[in-house]
Amino acid sequence: MEKQSRNKYTEEFKKRTVKYILEQSKSMPEIAEELDISAGLLHNWKQKYRSQIQAEIHSEIQASPDKIRQLEQQLRDMETAKQKQDLENADLREELEILKKALHIFGKERN
């Protein structure tokens, strides 16, 4: 008879797995088959980590308004920088056109 070795899973892996379970609409046996981990073991992890994971998700949701404000500010900053670059590009295009005309004028042969 062959003895199977037991897999050791880190706490982080277990927590991520429970978060995955909570986010999915699949059944526990489907997830167990997908991850190749027994449904009983997944159920134990879910009981152990569910409240902790839900608290983390809740804190992420509450942090969302602050995150949204931060992202909106970053977007405004990026738009301002883009407008500045657009103005610089327009100035450079105008300078290039002037130089082309000057080159054309001074590059002509004189009689």
C-alpha atoms as a PDB file:
ATOM      1  CA  MET A   1       0.000   0.000   0.000  1.00  0.00           C
ATOM      2  CA  GLU A   2       1.336   3.412  -0.983  1.00  0.00           C
ATOM      3  CA  LYS A   3       1.348   6.191   1.574  1.00  0.00           C
ATOM      4  CA  GLN A   4       0.262   9.549   0.202  1.00  0.00           C
ATOM      5  CA  SER A   5       2.150  12.618   1.352  1.00  0.00           C
ATOM      6  CA  ARG A   6       0.100  15.427   2.859  1.00  0.00           C
ATOM      7  CA  ASN A   7       0.180  18.843   1.266  1.00  0.00           C
ATOM      8  CA  LYS A   8       0.995  21.735   3.535  1.00  0.00           C
ATOM      9  CA  TYR A   9      -0.746  24.969   2.701  1.00  0.00           C
ATOM     10  CA  THR A  10       0.290  28.386   3.934  1.00  0.00           C
ATOM     11  CA  GLU A  11      -2.090  30.624   5.849  1.00  0.00           C
ATOM     12  CA  GLU A  12      -1.994  33.078   2.940  1.00  0.00           C
ATOM     13  CA  PHE A  13      -3.001  30.350   0.494  1.00  0.00           C
ATOM     14  CA  LYS A  14      -5.868  29.286   2.742  1.00  0.00           C
ATOM     15  CA  LYS A  15      -7.125  32.863   3.072  1.00  0.00           C
ATOM     16  CA  ARG A  16      -6.918  33.480  -0.661  1.00  0.00           C
ATOM     17  CA  THR A  17      -8.764  30.220  -1.265  1.00  0.00           C
ATOM     18  CA  VAL A  18     -11.544  31.204   1.148  1.00  0.00           C
ATOM     19  CA  LYS A  19     -11.814  34.602  -0.528  1.00  0.00           C
ATOM     20  CA  TYR A  20     -12.062  32.810  -3.870  1.00  0.00           C
ATOM     21  CA  ILE A  21     -14.779  30.520  -2.471  1.00  0.00           C
ATOM     22  CA  LEU A  22     -16.773  33.503  -1.192  1.00  0.00           C
ATOM     23  CA  GLU A  23     -16.506  35.303  -4.547  1.00  0.00           C
ATOM     24  CA  GLN A  24     -17.575  32.327  -6.663  1.00  0.00           C
ATOM     25  CA  SER A  25     -21.049  31.128  -7.489  1.00  0.00           C
ATOM     26  CA  LYS A  26     -19.754  27.577  -7.865  1.00  0.00           C
ATOM     27  CA  SER A  27     -20.534  24.843  -5.387  1.00  0.00           C
ATOM     28  CA  MET A  28     -17.957  23.658  -2.866  1.00  0.00           C
ATOM     29  CA  PRO A  29     -17.480  20.294  -4.669  1.00  0.00           C
ATOM     30  CA  GLU A  30     -16.871  22.111  -7.963  1.00  0.00           C
ATOM     31  CA  ILE A  31     -14.258  24.360  -6.369  1.00  0.00           C
ATOM     32  CA  ALA A  32     -12.696  21.378  -4.587  1.00  0.00           C
ATOM     33  CA  GLU A  33     -12.361  19.545  -7.871  1.00  0.00           C
ATOM     34  CA  GLU A  34     -11.005  22.652  -9.587  1.00  0.00           C
ATOM     35  CA  LEU A  35      -8.332  23.173  -6.923  1.00  0.00           C
ATOM     36  CA  ASP A  36      -7.731  19.456  -6.325  1.00  0.00           C
ATOM     37  CA  ILE A  37      -8.342  19.897  -2.594  1.00  0.00           C
ATOM     38  CA  SER A  38     -10.938  17.949  -0.628  1.00  0.00           C
ATOM     39  CA  ALA A  39     -14.278  19.664  -0.092  1.00  0.00           C
ATOM     40  CA  GLY A  40     -14.080  18.888   3.637  1.00  0.00           C
ATOM     41  CA  LEU A  41     -10.757  20.674   3.947  1.00  0.00           C
ATOM     42  CA  LEU A  42     -12.113  23.673   2.038  1.00  0.00           C
ATOM     43  CA  HIS A  43     -15.157  23.717   4.303  1.00  0.00           C
ATOM     44  CA  ASN A  44     -12.886  23.748   7.389  1.00  0.00           C
ATOM     45  CA  TRP A  45     -10.866  26.640   5.972  1.00  0.00           C
ATOM     46  CA  LYS A  46     -14.049  28.507   5.139  1.00  0.00           C
ATOM     47  CA  GLN A  47     -15.330  28.145   8.715  1.00  0.00           C
ATOM     48  CA  LYS A  48     -11.989  29.240  10.135  1.00  0.00           C
ATOM     49  CA  TYR A  49     -11.312  32.266   7.883  1.00  0.00           C
ATOM     50  CA  ARG A  50     -14.752  33.444   6.729  1.00  0.00           C
ATOM     51  CA  SER A  51     -15.206  36.215   9.309  1.00  0.00           C
ATOM     52  CA  GLN A  52     -11.658  37.474   8.826  1.00  0.00           C
ATOM     53  CA  ILE A  53     -11.987  37.570   5.031  1.00  0.00           C
ATOM     54  CA  GLN A  54     -15.385  39.266   5.213  1.00  0.00           C
ATOM     55  CA  ALA A  55     -13.909  41.921   7.538  1.00  0.00           C
ATOM     56  CA  GLU A  56     -11.087  42.529   5.035  1.00  0.00           C
ATOM     57  CA  ILE A  57     -13.583  42.839   2.183  1.00  0.00           C
ATOM     58  CA  HIS A  58     -15.692  45.231   4.265  1.00  0.00           C
ATOM     59  CA  SER A  59     -12.646  47.408   5.016  1.00  0.00           C
ATOM     60  CA  GLU A  60     -11.771  47.448   1.292  1.00  0.00           C
ATOM     61  CA  ILE A  61     -15.297  48.616   0.496  1.00  0.00           C
ATOM     62  CA  GLN A  62     -15.122  51.359   3.117  1.00  0.00           C
ATOM     63  CA  ALA A  63     -11.756  52.495   1.797  1.00  0.00           C
ATOM     64  CA  SER A  64     -13.272  52.838  -1.654  1.00  0.00           C
ATOM     65  CA  PRO A  65     -14.428  56.494  -1.350  1.00  0.00           C
ATOM     66  CA  ASP A  66     -10.907  57.523  -0.339  1.00  0.00           C
ATOM     67  CA  LYS A  67      -9.460  55.441  -3.146  1.00  0.00           C
ATOM     68  CA  ILE A  68     -11.888  57.000  -5.619  1.00  0.00           C
ATOM     69  CA  ARG A  69     -10.895  60.511  -4.531  1.00  0.00           C
ATOM     70  CA  GLN A  70      -7.229  59.590  -4.858  1.00  0.00           C
ATOM     71  CA  LEU A  71      -7.753  58.147  -8.343  1.00  0.00           C
ATOM     72  CA  GLU A  72      -9.791  61.183  -9.409  1.00  0.00           C
ATOM     73  CA  GLN A  73      -6.945  63.463  -8.281  1.00  0.00           C
ATOM     74  CA  GLN A  74      -4.430  61.354 -10.203  1.00  0.00           C
ATOM     75  CA  LEU A  75      -6.653  61.593 -13.278  1.00  0.00           C
ATOM     76  CA  ARG A  76      -6.866  65.399 -12.972  1.00  0.00           C
ATOM     77  CA  ASP A  77      -3.084  65.590 -12.579  1.00  0.00           C
ATOM     78  CA  MET A  78      -2.568  63.407 -15.632  1.00  0.00           C
ATOM     79  CA  GLU A  79      -5.012  65.490 -17.682  1.00  0.00           C
ATOM     80  CA  THR A  80      -3.173  68.675 -16.665  1.00  0.00           C
ATOM     81  CA  ALA A  81       0.159  67.128 -17.652  1.00  0.00           C
ATOM     82  CA  LYS A  82      -1.314  66.011 -20.992  1.00  0.00           C
ATOM     83  CA  GLN A  83      -2.630  69.510 -21.710  1.00  0.00           C
ATOM     84  CA  LYS A  84       0.814  70.926 -20.947  1.00  0.00           C
ATOM     85  CA  GLN A  85       2.433  68.403 -23.292  1.00  0.00           C
ATOM     86  CA  ASP A  86      -0.107  69.204 -26.012  1.00  0.00           C
ATOM     87  CA  LEU A  87       0.765  72.917 -25.746  1.00  0.00           C
ATOM     88  CA  GLU A  88       4.494  72.138 -25.894  1.00  0.00           C
ATOM     89  CA  ASN A  89       3.922  69.917 -28.938  1.00  0.00           C
ATOM     90  CA  ALA A  90       1.963  72.672 -30.689  1.00  0.00           C
ATOM     91  CA  ASP A  91       4.796  75.156 -29.987  1.00  0.00           C
ATOM     92  CA  LEU A  92       7.387  72.706 -31.304  1.00  0.00           C
ATOM     93  CA  ARG A  93       5.345  72.064 -34.469  1.00  0.00           C
ATOM     94  CA  GLU A  94       5.110  75.803 -35.071  1.00  0.00           C
ATOM     95  CA  GLU A  95       8.875  76.217 -34.566  1.00  0.00           C
ATOM     96  CA  LEU A  96       9.513  73.323 -36.948  1.00  0.00           C
ATOM     97  CA  GLU A  97       7.336  74.929 -39.629  1.00  0.00           C
ATOM     98  CA  ILE A  98       9.197  78.238 -39.232  1.00  0.00           C
ATOM     99  CA  LEU A  99      12.548  76.473 -39.541  1.00  0.00           C
ATOM    100  CA  LYS A 100      11.382  74.599 -42.640  1.00  0.00           C
ATOM    101  CA  LYS A 101      10.325  77.875 -44.276  1.00  0.00           C
ATOM    102  CA  ALA A 102      13.610  79.551 -43.319  1.00  0.00           C
ATOM    103  CA  LEU A 103      15.586  76.611 -44.705  1.00  0.00           C
ATOM    104  CA  HIS A 104      13.615  76.809 -47.916  1.00  0.00           C
ATOM    105  CA  ILE A 105      14.158  80.553 -48.241  1.00  0.00           C
ATOM    106  CA  PHE A 106      17.871  80.524 -47.394  1.00  0.00           C
ATOM    107  CA  GLY A 107      18.504  77.315 -49.300  1.00  0.00           C
ATOM    108  CA  LYS A 108      17.498  78.789 -52.695  1.00  0.00           C
ATOM    109  CA  GLU A 109      20.239  79.636 -55.146  1.00  0.00           C
ATOM    110  CA  ARG A 110      20.718  83.333 -55.717  1.00  0.00           C
ATOM    111  CA  ASN A 111      21.223  84.778 -59.194  1.00  0.00           C
END
